[in-house]
Amino acid sequence: MTEQSLPQEQAAKPSPVGARTSGVAGAVARWWHAFETRHRGIAEFIMFFIVCNAVTVLQLILMPVFKSLFGLTQLVSTNFQILPIGSNVDGSPYYVFDYAAGDIASGGGGGLAYFLAVEITMAIAQVINFITQRKVTFKATGNVWKAAAWYVLAYVVITIGAAALQGLYKAPLYGWCIDVMGVGAGATVADVVSMLINCAISFWVFYPIMKLIFKQK
C-alpha cells in the first residue's frame, strides 16, 4: 500500500453519523448513533415513543378541526349505532360503534359526524405513523406491502376494540366534564381524554406488532 493510496482509501470510508455536523446537533447525533449501536432494542423503543407522542399531538390538533367541520353538517343528526354485542345495565343494546344522533352537549352521541371525525383523524395519524416508524424507528427493508397489509389488519382490530371499550367511558366522561366545566370547555377536555385513551391503546398494542412486521433483510 503506497502513501498516495492512503488518502483515497480514507476518503472512501463512510463518515460517522454527525461527523459533518458541528456543535450540539452533531454531538447529539454522534451520541445517539453510538447508543443505538450498543442498545438497539432500547433505542427502538425510545424512538417509537417519540414518534407516537408526535403523532398523538397531531391527532389532538386534527380531532377538534374535523369535529367542528362535521358538526356543521347534518351528519350530527345521523344515527350511527352498529354491531350490538349485549346489553347495558338499563337493558338498552350495547353497540361496538355507539354514536347516537344528536350533539353530545345536548345528550346525544355525536352521530355519524363524531364517528367520522375520530376515524379520519386516526387514519391520517396511522398512515404517518406507519411510514415514520418503518423508516426511522425500525429501519425496515422488508416487503412494504406485506407489512402494510398486516398493519391495516392490526389497525382494524384495534379500532374495533377501542370503540367497544369507548362505550364504557364515553357517556360518563362527557357528562362529568360538561357538568363540571361547561359545554364548551367540558366537551373539549373530554375529546382530549378520549383521544389520549385511544392513543395509549394503540401505543401498547402496536409496538409488539411492529416488531414482528417491520423486518430488516
C-alpha atoms as a PDB file:
ATOM      1  CA  MET A   1       0.000   0.000   0.000  1.00  0.00           C
ATOM      2  CA  THR A   2       1.526   3.280  -1.085  1.00  0.00           C
ATOM      3  CA  GLU A   3       1.389   6.526   0.769  1.00  0.00           C
ATOM      4  CA  GLN A   4      -0.552   8.068  -2.125  1.00  0.00           C
ATOM      5  CA  SER A   5      -3.322   5.469  -1.802  1.00  0.00           C
ATOM      6  CA  LEU A   6      -3.977   6.163   1.867  1.00  0.00           C
ATOM      7  CA  PRO A   7      -5.859   9.449   1.473  1.00  0.00           C
ATOM      8  CA  GLN A   8      -8.043   7.909  -1.233  1.00  0.00           C
ATOM      9  CA  GLU A   9      -8.979   4.899   0.929  1.00  0.00           C
ATOM     10  CA  GLN A  10      -9.623   7.062   3.944  1.00  0.00           C
ATOM     11  CA  ALA A  11     -11.807   9.369   1.877  1.00  0.00           C
ATOM     12  CA  ALA A  12     -13.810   6.386   0.650  1.00  0.00           C
ATOM     13  CA  LYS A  13     -14.745   5.342   4.159  1.00  0.00           C
ATOM     14  CA  PRO A  14     -18.248   6.459   5.260  1.00  0.00           C
ATOM     15  CA  SER A  15     -18.271   9.287   7.755  1.00  0.00           C
ATOM     16  CA  PRO A  16     -19.732   8.560  11.182  1.00  0.00           C
ATOM     17  CA  VAL A  17     -23.177   9.897  11.913  1.00  0.00           C
ATOM     18  CA  GLY A  18     -22.860  13.541  12.891  1.00  0.00           C
ATOM     19  CA  ALA A  19     -19.229  13.774  11.733  1.00  0.00           C
ATOM     20  CA  ARG A  20     -20.095  16.515   9.232  1.00  0.00           C
ATOM     21  CA  THR A  21     -22.282  18.380  11.695  1.00  0.00           C
ATOM     22  CA  SER A  22     -20.687  20.664  14.228  1.00  0.00           C
ATOM     23  CA  GLY A  23     -21.971  21.955  17.502  1.00  0.00           C
ATOM     24  CA  VAL A  24     -24.650  20.499  19.723  1.00  0.00           C
ATOM     25  CA  ALA A  25     -26.577  18.841  16.886  1.00  0.00           C
ATOM     26  CA  GLY A  26     -23.521  16.934  15.758  1.00  0.00           C
ATOM     27  CA  ALA A  27     -22.666  15.838  19.281  1.00  0.00           C
ATOM     28  CA  VAL A  28     -26.210  14.606  19.883  1.00  0.00           C
ATOM     29  CA  ALA A  29     -26.232  12.755  16.554  1.00  0.00           C
ATOM     30  CA  ARG A  30     -22.940  11.017  17.315  1.00  0.00           C
ATOM     31  CA  TRP A  31     -24.065  10.103  20.828  1.00  0.00           C
ATOM     32  CA  TRP A  32     -27.346   8.693  19.530  1.00  0.00           C
ATOM     33  CA  HIS A  33     -25.576   6.654  16.848  1.00  0.00           C
ATOM     34  CA  ALA A  34     -23.251   5.147  19.449  1.00  0.00           C
ATOM     35  CA  PHE A  35     -26.145   4.465  21.846  1.00  0.00           C
ATOM     36  CA  GLU A  36     -28.222   2.886  19.063  1.00  0.00           C
ATOM     37  CA  THR A  37     -25.317   0.640  18.104  1.00  0.00           C
ATOM     38  CA  ARG A  38     -24.865  -0.639  21.682  1.00  0.00           C
ATOM     39  CA  HIS A  39     -28.535  -0.776  22.739  1.00  0.00           C
ATOM     40  CA  ARG A  40     -30.607  -1.366  19.629  1.00  0.00           C
ATOM     41  CA  GLY A  41     -33.763  -2.580  21.388  1.00  0.00           C
ATOM     42  CA  ILE A  42     -33.845   0.298  23.871  1.00  0.00           C
ATOM     43  CA  ALA A  43     -33.141   2.820  21.115  1.00  0.00           C
ATOM     44  CA  GLU A  44     -36.007   1.428  19.048  1.00  0.00           C
ATOM     45  CA  PHE A  45     -38.420   1.768  21.944  1.00  0.00           C
ATOM     46  CA  ILE A  46     -37.306   5.330  22.700  1.00  0.00           C
ATOM     47  CA  MET A  47     -37.733   6.354  19.060  1.00  0.00           C
ATOM     48  CA  PHE A  48     -41.088   4.547  18.913  1.00  0.00           C
ATOM     49  CA  PHE A  49     -42.181   6.501  21.988  1.00  0.00           C
ATOM     50  CA  ILE A  50     -41.084   9.825  20.474  1.00  0.00           C
ATOM     51  CA  VAL A  51     -42.836   9.195  17.163  1.00  0.00           C
ATOM     52  CA  CYS A  52     -46.025   8.045  18.908  1.00  0.00           C
ATOM     53  CA  ASN A  53     -46.116  11.199  21.014  1.00  0.00           C
ATOM     54  CA  ALA A  54     -45.620  13.375  17.935  1.00  0.00           C
ATOM     55  CA  VAL A  55     -48.471  11.548  16.191  1.00  0.00           C
ATOM     56  CA  THR A  56     -50.617  11.992  19.317  1.00  0.00           C
ATOM     57  CA  VAL A  57     -50.059  15.753  19.217  1.00  0.00           C
ATOM     58  CA  LEU A  58     -51.107  15.718  15.559  1.00  0.00           C
ATOM     59  CA  GLN A  59     -54.303  13.868  16.471  1.00  0.00           C
ATOM     60  CA  LEU A  60     -55.095  16.353  19.230  1.00  0.00           C
ATOM     61  CA  ILE A  61     -54.832  19.117  16.625  1.00  0.00           C
ATOM     62  CA  LEU A  62     -56.810  17.388  13.890  1.00  0.00           C
ATOM     63  CA  MET A  63     -59.626  15.967  16.007  1.00  0.00           C
ATOM     64  CA  PRO A  64     -61.225  19.329  17.006  1.00  0.00           C
ATOM     65  CA  VAL A  65     -60.871  20.560  13.414  1.00  0.00           C
ATOM     66  CA  PHE A  66     -62.721  17.608  11.898  1.00  0.00           C
ATOM     67  CA  LYS A  67     -65.265  17.609  14.704  1.00  0.00           C
ATOM     68  CA  SER A  68     -66.040  21.282  14.079  1.00  0.00           C
ATOM     69  CA  LEU A  69     -66.289  20.795  10.312  1.00  0.00           C
ATOM     70  CA  PHE A  70     -68.569  17.765  10.514  1.00  0.00           C
ATOM     71  CA  GLY A  71     -70.518  19.450  13.293  1.00  0.00           C
ATOM     72  CA  LEU A  72     -71.718  21.996  10.749  1.00  0.00           C
ATOM     73  CA  THR A  73     -73.411  19.278   8.695  1.00  0.00           C
ATOM     74  CA  GLN A  74     -76.499  17.131   9.127  1.00  0.00           C
ATOM     75  CA  LEU A  75     -74.236  14.187   9.941  1.00  0.00           C
ATOM     76  CA  VAL A  76     -74.638  15.117  13.618  1.00  0.00           C
ATOM     77  CA  SER A  77     -78.278  14.108  13.304  1.00  0.00           C
ATOM     78  CA  THR A  78     -77.439  10.841  11.521  1.00  0.00           C
ATOM     79  CA  ASN A  79     -77.555   7.892  13.901  1.00  0.00           C
ATOM     80  CA  PHE A  80     -74.574   5.509  13.770  1.00  0.00           C
ATOM     81  CA  GLN A  81     -75.026   2.586  16.150  1.00  0.00           C
ATOM     82  CA  ILE A  82     -73.859  -0.755  14.772  1.00  0.00           C
ATOM     83  CA  LEU A  83     -72.600  -4.155  15.941  1.00  0.00           C
ATOM     84  CA  PRO A  84     -74.644  -4.816  19.111  1.00  0.00           C
ATOM     85  CA  ILE A  85     -72.775  -7.189  21.459  1.00  0.00           C
ATOM     86  CA  GLY A  86     -75.009  -7.343  24.502  1.00  0.00           C
ATOM     87  CA  SER A  87     -76.945  -5.016  26.747  1.00  0.00           C
ATOM     88  CA  ASN A  88     -76.233  -2.072  29.015  1.00  0.00           C
ATOM     89  CA  VAL A  89     -77.281  -2.034  32.658  1.00  0.00           C
ATOM     90  CA  ASP A  90     -80.533  -0.350  31.709  1.00  0.00           C
ATOM     91  CA  GLY A  91     -81.309  -3.059  29.150  1.00  0.00           C
ATOM     92  CA  SER A  92     -80.538  -0.992  26.050  1.00  0.00           C
ATOM     93  CA  PRO A  93     -78.295  -2.571  23.363  1.00  0.00           C
ATOM     94  CA  TYR A  94     -74.534  -2.185  23.798  1.00  0.00           C
ATOM     95  CA  TYR A  95     -73.026  -1.229  20.433  1.00  0.00           C
ATOM     96  CA  VAL A  96     -69.377  -1.549  19.433  1.00  0.00           C
ATOM     97  CA  PHE A  97     -69.765   1.701  17.500  1.00  0.00           C
ATOM     98  CA  ASP A  98     -72.197   3.739  19.567  1.00  0.00           C
ATOM     99  CA  TYR A  99     -72.722   7.187  18.110  1.00  0.00           C
ATOM    100  CA  ALA A 100     -76.342   8.101  18.694  1.00  0.00           C
ATOM    101  CA  ALA A 101     -77.778  11.004  16.745  1.00  0.00           C
ATOM    102  CA  GLY A 102     -77.618  14.438  18.329  1.00  0.00           C
ATOM    103  CA  ASP A 103     -74.979  16.775  19.672  1.00  0.00           C
ATOM    104  CA  ILE A 104     -73.037  15.442  22.676  1.00  0.00           C
ATOM    105  CA  ALA A 105     -73.675  18.636  24.627  1.00  0.00           C
ATOM    106  CA  SER A 106     -77.421  18.038  24.338  1.00  0.00           C
ATOM    107  CA  GLY A 107     -77.224  14.404  25.400  1.00  0.00           C
ATOM    108  CA  GLY A 108     -76.618  12.741  22.026  1.00  0.00           C
ATOM    109  CA  GLY A 109     -73.660  10.687  20.907  1.00  0.00           C
ATOM    110  CA  GLY A 110     -72.339  12.956  18.194  1.00  0.00           C
ATOM    111  CA  GLY A 111     -73.852  10.889  15.407  1.00  0.00           C
ATOM    112  CA  LEU A 112     -72.021   9.982  12.223  1.00  0.00           C
ATOM    113  CA  ALA A 113     -70.194  13.321  12.426  1.00  0.00           C
ATOM    114  CA  TYR A 114     -68.326  12.336  15.600  1.00  0.00           C
ATOM    115  CA  PHE A 115     -67.532   8.875  14.225  1.00  0.00           C
ATOM    116  CA  LEU A 116     -66.033  10.307  11.032  1.00  0.00           C
ATOM    117  CA  ALA A 117     -64.046  12.919  12.959  1.00  0.00           C
ATOM    118  CA  VAL A 118     -62.481  10.230  15.135  1.00  0.00           C
ATOM    119  CA  GLU A 119     -61.798   7.706  12.382  1.00  0.00           C
ATOM    120  CA  ILE A 120     -60.430  10.157   9.807  1.00  0.00           C
ATOM    121  CA  THR A 121     -58.110  11.609  12.441  1.00  0.00           C
ATOM    122  CA  MET A 122     -56.935   8.127  13.416  1.00  0.00           C
ATOM    123  CA  ALA A 123     -56.473   7.061   9.786  1.00  0.00           C
ATOM    124  CA  ILE A 124     -54.289  10.068   8.926  1.00  0.00           C
ATOM    125  CA  ALA A 125     -52.250   9.583  12.075  1.00  0.00           C
ATOM    126  CA  GLN A 126     -51.718   5.882  11.423  1.00  0.00           C
ATOM    127  CA  VAL A 127     -50.537   6.440   7.839  1.00  0.00           C
ATOM    128  CA  ILE A 128     -47.927   8.893   9.118  1.00  0.00           C
ATOM    129  CA  ASN A 129     -47.078   6.555  11.996  1.00  0.00           C
ATOM    130  CA  PHE A 130     -46.590   3.589   9.658  1.00  0.00           C
ATOM    131  CA  ILE A 131     -44.241   5.457   7.324  1.00  0.00           C
ATOM    132  CA  THR A 132     -42.221   7.068  10.103  1.00  0.00           C
ATOM    133  CA  GLN A 133     -41.913   4.014  12.326  1.00  0.00           C
ATOM    134  CA  ARG A 134     -40.906   1.809   9.405  1.00  0.00           C
ATOM    135  CA  LYS A 135     -38.209   4.146   8.106  1.00  0.00           C
ATOM    136  CA  VAL A 136     -36.964   5.952  11.216  1.00  0.00           C
ATOM    137  CA  THR A 137     -37.570   3.646  14.174  1.00  0.00           C
ATOM    138  CA  PHE A 138     -37.168   0.117  12.817  1.00  0.00           C
ATOM    139  CA  LYS A 139     -35.309   0.946   9.567  1.00  0.00           C
ATOM    140  CA  ALA A 140     -37.183  -1.914   7.922  1.00  0.00           C
ATOM    141  CA  THR A 141     -36.152  -3.123   4.475  1.00  0.00           C
ATOM    142  CA  GLY A 142     -38.677  -5.952   4.110  1.00  0.00           C
ATOM    143  CA  ASN A 143     -41.665  -6.008   1.780  1.00  0.00           C
ATOM    144  CA  VAL A 144     -43.587  -2.774   2.402  1.00  0.00           C
ATOM    145  CA  TRP A 145     -46.901  -4.059   1.019  1.00  0.00           C
ATOM    146  CA  LYS A 146     -46.865  -7.144   3.205  1.00  0.00           C
ATOM    147  CA  ALA A 147     -46.082  -5.010   6.243  1.00  0.00           C
ATOM    148  CA  ALA A 148     -48.823  -2.547   5.265  1.00  0.00           C
ATOM    149  CA  ALA A 149     -51.384  -5.353   4.955  1.00  0.00           C
ATOM    150  CA  TRP A 150     -50.608  -6.629   8.468  1.00  0.00           C
ATOM    151  CA  TYR A 151     -50.617  -3.067   9.793  1.00  0.00           C
ATOM    152  CA  VAL A 152     -54.064  -2.362   8.330  1.00  0.00           C
ATOM    153  CA  LEU A 153     -55.389  -5.618   9.794  1.00  0.00           C
ATOM    154  CA  ALA A 154     -54.000  -4.682  13.210  1.00  0.00           C
ATOM    155  CA  TYR A 155     -55.463  -1.187  12.872  1.00  0.00           C
ATOM    156  CA  VAL A 156     -58.944  -2.564  12.134  1.00  0.00           C
ATOM    157  CA  VAL A 157     -58.805  -4.920  15.128  1.00  0.00           C
ATOM    158  CA  ILE A 158     -57.539  -2.165  17.435  1.00  0.00           C
ATOM    159  CA  THR A 159     -60.200   0.254  16.163  1.00  0.00           C
ATOM    160  CA  ILE A 160     -62.990  -2.222  16.900  1.00  0.00           C
ATOM    161  CA  GLY A 161     -61.577  -2.996  20.344  1.00  0.00           C
ATOM    162  CA  ALA A 162     -61.082   0.675  21.235  1.00  0.00           C
ATOM    163  CA  ALA A 163     -64.583   1.522  20.019  1.00  0.00           C
ATOM    164  CA  ALA A 164     -66.098  -1.240  22.133  1.00  0.00           C
ATOM    165  CA  LEU A 165     -64.161  -0.005  25.164  1.00  0.00           C
ATOM    166  CA  GLN A 166     -65.272   3.570  24.499  1.00  0.00           C
ATOM    167  CA  GLY A 167     -68.848   2.559  25.148  1.00  0.00           C
ATOM    168  CA  LEU A 168     -67.911   2.087  28.811  1.00  0.00           C
ATOM    169  CA  TYR A 169     -66.475   5.548  29.453  1.00  0.00           C
ATOM    170  CA  LYS A 170     -67.682   7.907  26.718  1.00  0.00           C
ATOM    171  CA  ALA A 171     -71.071   8.901  28.178  1.00  0.00           C
ATOM    172  CA  PRO A 172     -69.923   9.290  31.832  1.00  0.00           C
ATOM    173  CA  LEU A 173     -66.722  11.074  30.753  1.00  0.00           C
ATOM    174  CA  TYR A 174     -68.505  13.662  28.635  1.00  0.00           C
ATOM    175  CA  GLY A 175     -71.299  14.025  31.166  1.00  0.00           C
ATOM    176  CA  TRP A 176     -68.915  14.681  34.041  1.00  0.00           C
ATOM    177  CA  CYS A 177     -66.692  17.096  32.080  1.00  0.00           C
ATOM    178  CA  ILE A 178     -69.662  19.093  30.804  1.00  0.00           C
ATOM    179  CA  ASP A 179     -71.239  19.264  34.260  1.00  0.00           C
ATOM    180  CA  VAL A 180     -68.000  20.483  35.854  1.00  0.00           C
ATOM    181  CA  MET A 181     -66.544  22.739  33.130  1.00  0.00           C
ATOM    182  CA  GLY A 182     -69.497  23.701  30.997  1.00  0.00           C
ATOM    183  CA  VAL A 183     -70.470  22.729  27.469  1.00  0.00           C
ATOM    184  CA  GLY A 184     -67.560  24.217  25.510  1.00  0.00           C
ATOM    185  CA  ALA A 185     -64.582  23.507  27.761  1.00  0.00           C
ATOM    186  CA  GLY A 186     -66.025  20.242  29.080  1.00  0.00           C
ATOM    187  CA  ALA A 187     -66.559  18.767  25.614  1.00  0.00           C
ATOM    188  CA  THR A 188     -63.063  19.831  24.546  1.00  0.00           C
ATOM    189  CA  VAL A 189     -61.423  18.237  27.608  1.00  0.00           C
ATOM    190  CA  ALA A 190     -63.453  15.063  27.087  1.00  0.00           C
ATOM    191  CA  ASP A 191     -62.336  14.967  23.435  1.00  0.00           C
ATOM    192  CA  VAL A 192     -58.700  15.192  24.521  1.00  0.00           C
ATOM    193  CA  VAL A 193     -59.045  12.498  27.197  1.00  0.00           C
ATOM    194  CA  SER A 194     -60.878  10.192  24.795  1.00  0.00           C
ATOM    195  CA  MET A 195     -58.200  10.628  22.143  1.00  0.00           C
ATOM    196  CA  LEU A 196     -55.419  10.052  24.682  1.00  0.00           C
ATOM    197  CA  ILE A 197     -57.050   6.772  25.734  1.00  0.00           C
ATOM    198  CA  ASN A 198     -57.184   5.635  22.103  1.00  0.00           C
ATOM    199  CA  CYS A 199     -53.552   6.641  21.621  1.00  0.00           C
ATOM    200  CA  ALA A 200     -52.473   4.746  24.737  1.00  0.00           C
ATOM    201  CA  ILE A 201     -54.201   1.603  23.495  1.00  0.00           C
ATOM    202  CA  SER A 202     -52.542   1.953  20.096  1.00  0.00           C
ATOM    203  CA  PHE A 203     -49.140   2.545  21.683  1.00  0.00           C
ATOM    204  CA  TRP A 204     -49.007  -0.640  23.732  1.00  0.00           C
ATOM    205  CA  VAL A 205     -50.650  -2.849  21.113  1.00  0.00           C
ATOM    206  CA  PHE A 206     -48.771  -1.612  18.045  1.00  0.00           C
ATOM    207  CA  TYR A 207     -45.232  -1.883  19.449  1.00  0.00           C
ATOM    208  CA  PRO A 208     -45.037  -5.715  19.546  1.00  0.00           C
ATOM    209  CA  ILE A 209     -46.898  -5.856  16.219  1.00  0.00           C
ATOM    210  CA  MET A 210     -44.368  -3.540  14.580  1.00  0.00           C
ATOM    211  CA  LYS A 211     -41.517  -5.613  15.972  1.00  0.00           C
ATOM    212  CA  LEU A 212     -42.967  -8.530  14.023  1.00  0.00           C
ATOM    213  CA  ILE A 213     -43.928  -6.878  10.730  1.00  0.00           C
ATOM    214  CA  PHE A 214     -41.011  -4.467  10.251  1.00  0.00           C
ATOM    215  CA  LYS A 215     -38.138  -6.676   9.192  1.00  0.00           C
ATOM    216  CA  GLN A 216     -34.631  -5.943   8.001  1.00  0.00           C
ATOM    217  CA  LYS A 217     -33.130  -8.023   5.235  1.00  0.00           C
END
